[in-house]
Amino acid sequence: MHHKSKLIMFILISIEIFLCRLLSAGASKVYAICSHGIFSGPAISRINNSPFEAVVVTNTIPQEENMKNSNKIQVLLIKKKKMF
């Protein structure tokens, strides 16, 4: 895996174990994707301090506040906002 970027897709993000294994195997960049980003407790702080290049979530749950607190949170628009 030397000098390879890896895309990790899983429903619940378990940062520490997964990340350490990928980086020790030689991944140069690690991305995470989750469908519903529920970031509770110290999740944003952990993401900010992690080697994740980005954490991509859908907009099924509002992410504006999380995006203000982390430049690693990126939102994939799949749900239209209500107009009325």
PDB file of N, CA and C in Angstrom:
ATOM      1  N   MET A   1       0.810  -1.196   0.000  1.00  0.00           N
ATOM      2  CA  MET A   1       0.000   0.000   0.000  1.00  0.00           C
ATOM      3  C   MET A   1       0.849   1.253   0.000  1.00  0.00           C
ATOM      4  N   HIS A   2       2.096   1.161  -0.210  1.00  0.00           N
ATOM      5  CA  HIS A   2       2.975   2.308  -0.135  1.00  0.00           C
ATOM      6  C   HIS A   2       2.553   3.391  -1.126  1.00  0.00           C
ATOM      7  N   HIS A   3       2.420   4.629  -0.651  1.00  0.00           N
ATOM      8  CA  HIS A   3       2.036   5.805  -1.448  1.00  0.00           C
ATOM      9  C   HIS A   3       0.684   5.642  -2.128  1.00  0.00           C
ATOM     10  N   LYS A   4      -0.234   5.021  -1.449  1.00  0.00           N
ATOM     11  CA  LYS A   4      -1.575   4.843  -1.995  1.00  0.00           C
ATOM     12  C   LYS A   4      -2.578   5.599  -1.144  1.00  0.00           C
ATOM     13  N   SER A   5      -3.581   6.155  -1.787  1.00  0.00           N
ATOM     14  CA  SER A   5      -4.688   6.768  -1.073  1.00  0.00           C
ATOM     15  C   SER A   5      -5.760   5.704  -0.922  1.00  0.00           C
ATOM     16  N   LYS A   6      -6.368   5.651   0.233  1.00  0.00           N
ATOM     17  CA  LYS A   6      -7.400   4.658   0.482  1.00  0.00           C
ATOM     18  C   LYS A   6      -8.701   5.346   0.846  1.00  0.00           C
ATOM     19  N   LEU A   7      -9.781   4.822   0.347  1.00  0.00           N
ATOM     20  CA  LEU A   7     -11.111   5.311   0.631  1.00  0.00           C
ATOM     21  C   LEU A   7     -11.773   4.305   1.556  1.00  0.00           C
ATOM     22  N   ILE A   8     -12.191   4.767   2.710  1.00  0.00           N
ATOM     23  CA  ILE A   8     -12.788   3.883   3.700  1.00  0.00           C
ATOM     24  C   ILE A   8     -14.274   4.189   3.777  1.00  0.00           C
ATOM     25  N   MET A   9     -15.105   3.193   3.567  1.00  0.00           N
ATOM     26  CA  MET A   9     -16.545   3.359   3.644  1.00  0.00           C
ATOM     27  C   MET A   9     -17.075   2.456   4.746  1.00  0.00           C
ATOM     28  N   PHE A  10     -17.676   3.060   5.725  1.00  0.00           N
ATOM     29  CA  PHE A  10     -18.295   2.283   6.778  1.00  0.00           C
ATOM     30  C   PHE A  10     -19.339   3.148   7.456  1.00  0.00           C
ATOM     31  N   ILE A  11     -20.287   2.493   8.128  1.00  0.00           N
ATOM     32  CA  ILE A  11     -21.418   3.220   8.687  1.00  0.00           C
ATOM     33  C   ILE A  11     -21.021   3.988   9.941  1.00  0.00           C
ATOM     34  N   LEU A  12     -20.365   3.342  10.849  1.00  0.00           N
ATOM     35  CA  LEU A  12     -19.919   4.003  12.071  1.00  0.00           C
ATOM     36  C   LEU A  12     -18.413   4.128  12.037  1.00  0.00           C
ATOM     37  N   ILE A  13     -17.924   5.303  12.256  1.00  0.00           N
ATOM     38  CA  ILE A  13     -16.488   5.522  12.169  1.00  0.00           C
ATOM     39  C   ILE A  13     -15.822   5.157  13.491  1.00  0.00           C
ATOM     40  N   SER A  14     -14.915   4.207  13.435  1.00  0.00           N
ATOM     41  CA  SER A  14     -14.084   3.857  14.576  1.00  0.00           C
ATOM     42  C   SER A  14     -12.672   4.265  14.208  1.00  0.00           C
ATOM     43  N   ILE A  15     -12.279   5.439  14.627  1.00  0.00           N
ATOM     44  CA  ILE A  15     -11.076   6.086  14.120  1.00  0.00           C
ATOM     45  C   ILE A  15      -9.788   5.372  14.491  1.00  0.00           C
ATOM     46  N   GLU A  16      -9.526   5.181  15.757  1.00  0.00           N
ATOM     47  CA  GLU A  16      -8.193   4.808  16.208  1.00  0.00           C
ATOM     48  C   GLU A  16      -7.658   3.511  15.608  1.00  0.00           C
ATOM     49  N   ILE A  17      -8.362   2.415  15.764  1.00  0.00           N
ATOM     50  CA  ILE A  17      -7.841   1.108  15.339  1.00  0.00           C
ATOM     51  C   ILE A  17      -7.676   1.049  13.826  1.00  0.00           C
ATOM     52  N   PHE A  18      -8.704   1.441  13.098  1.00  0.00           N
ATOM     53  CA  PHE A  18      -8.677   1.376  11.644  1.00  0.00           C
ATOM     54  C   PHE A  18      -7.572   2.241  11.065  1.00  0.00           C
ATOM     55  N   LEU A  19      -7.494   3.455  11.565  1.00  0.00           N
ATOM     56  CA  LEU A  19      -6.530   4.420  11.064  1.00  0.00           C
ATOM     57  C   LEU A  19      -5.097   3.959  11.300  1.00  0.00           C
ATOM     58  N   CYS A  20      -4.826   3.499  12.493  1.00  0.00           N
ATOM     59  CA  CYS A  20      -3.475   3.038  12.816  1.00  0.00           C
ATOM     60  C   CYS A  20      -3.048   1.892  11.916  1.00  0.00           C
ATOM     61  N   ARG A  21      -3.954   0.980  11.659  1.00  0.00           N
ATOM     62  CA  ARG A  21      -3.616  -0.162  10.793  1.00  0.00           C
ATOM     63  C   ARG A  21      -3.329   0.278   9.366  1.00  0.00           C
ATOM     64  N   LEU A  22      -4.129   1.182   8.842  1.00  0.00           N
ATOM     65  CA  LEU A  22      -3.912   1.648   7.464  1.00  0.00           C
ATOM     66  C   LEU A  22      -2.603   2.413   7.334  1.00  0.00           C
ATOM     67  N   LEU A  23      -2.359   3.294   8.274  1.00  0.00           N
ATOM     68  CA  LEU A  23      -1.143   4.093   8.197  1.00  0.00           C
ATOM     69  C   LEU A  23       0.102   3.236   8.404  1.00  0.00           C
ATOM     70  N   SER A  24       0.011   2.250   9.277  1.00  0.00           N
ATOM     71  CA  SER A  24       1.175   1.379   9.480  1.00  0.00           C
ATOM     72  C   SER A  24       1.399   0.476   8.268  1.00  0.00           C
ATOM     73  N   ALA A  25       0.352   0.269   7.466  1.00  0.00           N
ATOM     74  CA  ALA A  25       0.484  -0.531   6.251  1.00  0.00           C
ATOM     75  C   ALA A  25       0.991   0.310   5.076  1.00  0.00           C
ATOM     76  N   GLY A  26       1.182   1.620   5.291  1.00  0.00           N
ATOM     77  CA  GLY A  26       1.776   2.454   4.255  1.00  0.00           C
ATOM     78  C   GLY A  26       0.842   3.385   3.508  1.00  0.00           C
ATOM     79  N   ALA A  27      -0.422   3.508   3.935  1.00  0.00           N
ATOM     80  CA  ALA A  27      -1.331   4.441   3.258  1.00  0.00           C
ATOM     81  C   ALA A  27      -0.848   5.863   3.469  1.00  0.00           C
ATOM     82  N   SER A  28      -0.834   6.658   2.414  1.00  0.00           N
ATOM     83  CA  SER A  28      -0.372   8.036   2.544  1.00  0.00           C
ATOM     84  C   SER A  28      -1.517   8.999   2.858  1.00  0.00           C
ATOM     85  N   LYS A  29      -2.729   8.682   2.437  1.00  0.00           N
ATOM     86  CA  LYS A  29      -3.908   9.500   2.714  1.00  0.00           C
ATOM     87  C   LYS A  29      -5.063   8.573   3.046  1.00  0.00           C
ATOM     88  N   VAL A  30      -5.852   8.964   4.029  1.00  0.00           N
ATOM     89  CA  VAL A  30      -7.009   8.163   4.430  1.00  0.00           C
ATOM     90  C   VAL A  30      -8.234   9.069   4.451  1.00  0.00           C
ATOM     91  N   TYR A  31      -9.278   8.642   3.757  1.00  0.00           N
ATOM     92  CA  TYR A  31     -10.544   9.359   3.703  1.00  0.00           C
ATOM     93  C   TYR A  31     -11.609   8.490   4.356  1.00  0.00           C
ATOM     94  N   ALA A  32     -12.604   9.118   4.954  1.00  0.00           N
ATOM     95  CA  ALA A  32     -13.731   8.386   5.528  1.00  0.00           C
ATOM     96  C   ALA A  32     -15.018   8.908   4.914  1.00  0.00           C
ATOM     97  N   ILE A  33     -15.949   7.993   4.692  1.00  0.00           N
ATOM     98  CA  ILE A  33     -17.260   8.363   4.166  1.00  0.00           C
ATOM     99  C   ILE A  33     -18.312   7.694   5.034  1.00  0.00           C
ATOM    100  N   CYS A  34     -19.298   8.471   5.456  1.00  0.00           N
ATOM    101  CA  CYS A  34     -20.411   7.868   6.195  1.00  0.00           C
ATOM    102  C   CYS A  34     -21.715   8.489   5.708  1.00  0.00           C
ATOM    103  N   SER A  35     -22.763   7.720   5.771  1.00  0.00           N
ATOM    104  CA  SER A  35     -24.031   8.188   5.219  1.00  0.00           C
ATOM    105  C   SER A  35     -24.713   9.211   6.127  1.00  0.00           C
ATOM    106  N   HIS A  36     -24.692   9.000   7.427  1.00  0.00           N
ATOM    107  CA  HIS A  36     -25.367   9.902   8.361  1.00  0.00           C
ATOM    108  C   HIS A  36     -24.368  10.311   9.439  1.00  0.00           C
ATOM    109  N   GLY A  37     -23.840  11.507   9.333  1.00  0.00           N
ATOM    110  CA  GLY A  37     -22.803  11.958  10.256  1.00  0.00           C
ATOM    111  C   GLY A  37     -23.363  12.449  11.575  1.00  0.00           C
ATOM    112  N   ILE A  38     -23.414  11.558  12.543  1.00  0.00           N
ATOM    113  CA  ILE A  38     -23.812  11.941  13.899  1.00  0.00           C
ATOM    114  C   ILE A  38     -22.529  12.001  14.709  1.00  0.00           C
ATOM    115  N   PHE A  39     -22.012  13.195  14.899  1.00  0.00           N
ATOM    116  CA  PHE A  39     -20.742  13.367  15.583  1.00  0.00           C
ATOM    117  C   PHE A  39     -21.019  13.812  17.016  1.00  0.00           C
ATOM    118  N   SER A  40     -20.922  12.885  17.940  1.00  0.00           N
ATOM    119  CA  SER A  40     -21.245  13.192  19.327  1.00  0.00           C
ATOM    120  C   SER A  40     -19.986  13.261  20.178  1.00  0.00           C
ATOM    121  N   GLY A  41     -20.137  13.880  21.340  1.00  0.00           N
ATOM    122  CA  GLY A  41     -19.020  13.972  22.277  1.00  0.00           C
ATOM    123  C   GLY A  41     -17.798  14.609  21.631  1.00  0.00           C
ATOM    124  N   PRO A  42     -16.636  13.972  21.795  1.00  0.00           N
ATOM    125  CA  PRO A  42     -15.391  14.546  21.272  1.00  0.00           C
ATOM    126  C   PRO A  42     -15.097  14.164  19.815  1.00  0.00           C
ATOM    127  N   ALA A  43     -16.104  13.745  19.061  1.00  0.00           N
ATOM    128  CA  ALA A  43     -15.871  13.257  17.691  1.00  0.00           C
ATOM    129  C   ALA A  43     -15.178  14.288  16.807  1.00  0.00           C
ATOM    130  N   ILE A  44     -15.649  15.530  16.819  1.00  0.00           N
ATOM    131  CA  ILE A  44     -15.056  16.562  15.952  1.00  0.00           C
ATOM    132  C   ILE A  44     -13.614  16.830  16.344  1.00  0.00           C
ATOM    133  N   SER A  45     -13.355  16.890  17.626  1.00  0.00           N
ATOM    134  CA  SER A  45     -11.985  17.086  18.100  1.00  0.00           C
ATOM    135  C   SER A  45     -11.085  15.939  17.658  1.00  0.00           C
ATOM    136  N   ARG A  46     -11.591  14.724  17.746  1.00  0.00           N
ATOM    137  CA  ARG A  46     -10.816  13.558  17.316  1.00  0.00           C
ATOM    138  C   ARG A  46     -10.566  13.588  15.815  1.00  0.00           C
ATOM    139  N   ILE A  47     -11.566  13.980  15.053  1.00  0.00           N
ATOM    140  CA  ILE A  47     -11.395  14.088  13.601  1.00  0.00           C
ATOM    141  C   ILE A  47     -10.347  15.148  13.283  1.00  0.00           C
ATOM    142  N   ASN A  48     -10.436  16.293  13.954  1.00  0.00           N
ATOM    143  CA  ASN A  48      -9.467  17.374  13.723  1.00  0.00           C
ATOM    144  C   ASN A  48      -8.045  16.934  14.033  1.00  0.00           C
ATOM    145  N   ASN A  49      -7.881  16.099  15.049  1.00  0.00           N
ATOM    146  CA  ASN A  49      -6.556  15.648  15.466  1.00  0.00           C
ATOM    147  C   ASN A  49      -6.112  14.366  14.780  1.00  0.00           C
ATOM    148  N   SER A  50      -6.950  13.831  13.918  1.00  0.00           N
ATOM    149  CA  SER A  50      -6.632  12.579  13.234  1.00  0.00           C
ATOM    150  C   SER A  50      -5.921  12.851  11.911  1.00  0.00           C
ATOM    151  N   PRO A  51      -5.281  11.833  11.356  1.00  0.00           N
ATOM    152  CA  PRO A  51      -4.654  12.001  10.047  1.00  0.00           C
ATOM    153  C   PRO A  51      -5.634  11.861   8.873  1.00  0.00           C
ATOM    154  N   PHE A  52      -6.955  11.816   9.139  1.00  0.00           N
ATOM    155  CA  PHE A  52      -7.906  11.777   8.031  1.00  0.00           C
ATOM    156  C   PHE A  52      -7.680  12.982   7.139  1.00  0.00           C
ATOM    157  N   GLU A  53      -7.628  12.750   5.854  1.00  0.00           N
ATOM    158  CA  GLU A  53      -7.562  13.838   4.879  1.00  0.00           C
ATOM    159  C   GLU A  53      -8.899  14.572   4.865  1.00  0.00           C
ATOM    160  N   ALA A  54      -9.986  13.800   4.902  1.00  0.00           N
ATOM    161  CA  ALA A  54     -11.340  14.363   4.937  1.00  0.00           C
ATOM    162  C   ALA A  54     -12.302  13.306   5.455  1.00  0.00           C
ATOM    163  N   VAL A  55     -13.403  13.787   6.030  1.00  0.00           N
ATOM    164  CA  VAL A  55     -14.512  12.926   6.423  1.00  0.00           C
ATOM    165  C   VAL A  55     -15.718  13.443   5.647  1.00  0.00           C
ATOM    166  N   VAL A  56     -16.217  12.622   4.737  1.00  0.00           N
ATOM    167  CA  VAL A  56     -17.322  13.020   3.858  1.00  0.00           C
ATOM    168  C   VAL A  56     -18.604  12.424   4.397  1.00  0.00           C
ATOM    169  N   VAL A  57     -19.614  13.283   4.584  1.00  0.00           N
ATOM    170  CA  VAL A  57     -20.917  12.848   5.086  1.00  0.00           C
ATOM    171  C   VAL A  57     -21.994  13.385   4.159  1.00  0.00           C
ATOM    172  N   THR A  58     -23.165  12.792   4.218  1.00  0.00           N
ATOM    173  CA  THR A  58     -24.281  13.304   3.427  1.00  0.00           C
ATOM    174  C   THR A  58     -24.988  14.397   4.216  1.00  0.00           C
ATOM    175  N   ASN A  59     -25.879  15.105   3.555  1.00  0.00           N
ATOM    176  CA  ASN A  59     -26.624  16.167   4.218  1.00  0.00           C
ATOM    177  C   ASN A  59     -27.969  15.688   4.759  1.00  0.00           C
ATOM    178  N   THR A  60     -28.092  14.392   5.043  1.00  0.00           N
ATOM    179  CA  THR A  60     -29.326  13.885   5.638  1.00  0.00           C
ATOM    180  C   THR A  60     -29.495  14.387   7.064  1.00  0.00           C
ATOM    181  N   ILE A  61     -28.404  14.789   7.678  1.00  0.00           N
ATOM    182  CA  ILE A  61     -28.395  15.427   8.998  1.00  0.00           C
ATOM    183  C   ILE A  61     -27.628  16.740   8.814  1.00  0.00           C
ATOM    184  N   PRO A  62     -28.162  17.857   9.293  1.00  0.00           N
ATOM    185  CA  PRO A  62     -27.464  19.139   9.104  1.00  0.00           C
ATOM    186  C   PRO A  62     -26.028  19.099   9.636  1.00  0.00           C
ATOM    187  N   GLN A  63     -25.095  19.612   8.855  1.00  0.00           N
ATOM    188  CA  GLN A  63     -23.674  19.574   9.214  1.00  0.00           C
ATOM    189  C   GLN A  63     -23.039  20.957   9.291  1.00  0.00           C
ATOM    190  N   GLU A  64     -23.844  22.011   9.219  1.00  0.00           N
ATOM    191  CA  GLU A  64     -23.279  23.364   9.180  1.00  0.00           C
ATOM    192  C   GLU A  64     -22.378  23.632  10.382  1.00  0.00           C
ATOM    193  N   GLU A  65     -22.835  23.293  11.582  1.00  0.00           N
ATOM    194  CA  GLU A  65     -22.046  23.554  12.791  1.00  0.00           C
ATOM    195  C   GLU A  65     -20.762  22.734  12.800  1.00  0.00           C
ATOM    196  N   ASN A  66     -20.860  21.469  12.378  1.00  0.00           N
ATOM    197  CA  ASN A  66     -19.662  20.628  12.325  1.00  0.00           C
ATOM    198  C   ASN A  66     -18.651  21.150  11.311  1.00  0.00           C
ATOM    199  N   MET A  67     -19.155  21.672  10.194  1.00  0.00           N
ATOM    200  CA  MET A  67     -18.262  22.225   9.179  1.00  0.00           C
ATOM    201  C   MET A  67     -17.565  23.490   9.683  1.00  0.00           C
ATOM    202  N   LYS A  68     -18.228  24.244  10.553  1.00  0.00           N
ATOM    203  CA  LYS A  68     -17.600  25.426  11.150  1.00  0.00           C
ATOM    204  C   LYS A  68     -16.460  25.025  12.087  1.00  0.00           C
ATOM    205  N   ASN A  69     -16.623  23.864  12.729  1.00  0.00           N
ATOM    206  CA  ASN A  69     -15.654  23.415  13.727  1.00  0.00           C
ATOM    207  C   ASN A  69     -14.563  22.509  13.172  1.00  0.00           C
ATOM    208  N   SER A  70     -14.698  22.111  11.922  1.00  0.00           N
ATOM    209  CA  SER A  70     -13.685  21.234  11.325  1.00  0.00           C
ATOM    210  C   SER A  70     -13.608  21.464   9.826  1.00  0.00           C
ATOM    211  N   ASN A  71     -12.410  21.742   9.331  1.00  0.00           N
ATOM    212  CA  ASN A  71     -12.241  21.889   7.884  1.00  0.00           C
ATOM    213  C   ASN A  71     -12.102  20.525   7.207  1.00  0.00           C
ATOM    214  N   LYS A  72     -12.123  19.454   7.984  1.00  0.00           N
ATOM    215  CA  LYS A  72     -12.041  18.108   7.410  1.00  0.00           C
ATOM    216  C   LYS A  72     -13.422  17.541   7.064  1.00  0.00           C
ATOM    217  N   ILE A  73     -14.485  18.145   7.587  1.00  0.00           N
ATOM    218  CA  ILE A  73     -15.838  17.681   7.302  1.00  0.00           C
ATOM    219  C   ILE A  73     -16.265  18.231   5.950  1.00  0.00           C
ATOM    220  N   GLN A  74     -16.612  17.338   5.033  1.00  0.00           N
ATOM    221  CA  GLN A  74     -17.116  17.722   3.713  1.00  0.00           C
ATOM    222  C   GLN A  74     -18.484  17.077   3.527  1.00  0.00           C
ATOM    223  N   VAL A  75     -19.418  17.810   2.946  1.00  0.00           N
ATOM    224  CA  VAL A  75     -20.793  17.335   2.834  1.00  0.00           C
ATOM    225  C   VAL A  75     -21.139  17.032   1.384  1.00  0.00           C
ATOM    226  N   LEU A  76     -21.696  15.855   1.183  1.00  0.00           N
ATOM    227  CA  LEU A  76     -22.193  15.420  -0.115  1.00  0.00           C
ATOM    228  C   LEU A  76     -23.700  15.659  -0.121  1.00  0.00           C
ATOM    229  N   LEU A  77     -24.175  16.510  -1.015  1.00  0.00           N
ATOM    230  CA  LEU A  77     -25.592  16.860  -1.046  1.00  0.00           C
ATOM    231  C   LEU A  77     -26.403  15.777  -1.740  1.00  0.00           C
ATOM    232  N   ILE A  78     -27.294  15.149  -0.982  1.00  0.00           N
ATOM    233  CA  ILE A  78     -28.185  14.155  -1.577  1.00  0.00           C
ATOM    234  C   ILE A  78     -29.642  14.427  -1.240  1.00  0.00           C
ATOM    235  N   LYS A  79     -29.895  15.281  -0.268  1.00  0.00           N
ATOM    236  CA  LYS A  79     -31.253  15.586   0.166  1.00  0.00           C
ATOM    237  C   LYS A  79     -31.529  17.061  -0.092  1.00  0.00           C
ATOM    238  N   LYS A  80     -32.596  17.338  -0.808  1.00  0.00           N
ATOM    239  CA  LYS A  80     -32.967  18.714  -1.065  1.00  0.00           C
ATOM    240  C   LYS A  80     -33.509  19.344   0.207  1.00  0.00           C
ATOM    241  N   LYS A  81     -33.194  20.621   0.386  1.00  0.00           N
ATOM    242  CA  LYS A  81     -33.724  21.347   1.529  1.00  0.00           C
ATOM    243  C   LYS A  81     -35.172  21.733   1.220  1.00  0.00           C
ATOM    244  N   LYS A  82     -35.992  21.746   2.271  1.00  0.00           N
ATOM    245  CA  LYS A  82     -37.386  22.134   2.087  1.00  0.00           C
ATOM    246  C   LYS A  82     -37.470  23.610   1.709  1.00  0.00           C
ATOM    247  N   MET A  83     -38.308  23.908   0.766  1.00  0.00           N
ATOM    248  CA  MET A  83     -38.447  25.276   0.283  1.00  0.00           C
ATOM    249  C   MET A  83     -39.449  26.055   1.144  1.00  0.00           C
ATOM    250  N   PHE A  84     -40.378  25.359   1.804  1.00  0.00           N
ATOM    251  CA  PHE A  84     -41.444  26.038   2.548  1.00  0.00           C
ATOM    252  C   PHE A  84     -41.385  25.694   3.995  1.00  0.00           C
TER     253      PHE A  84
END
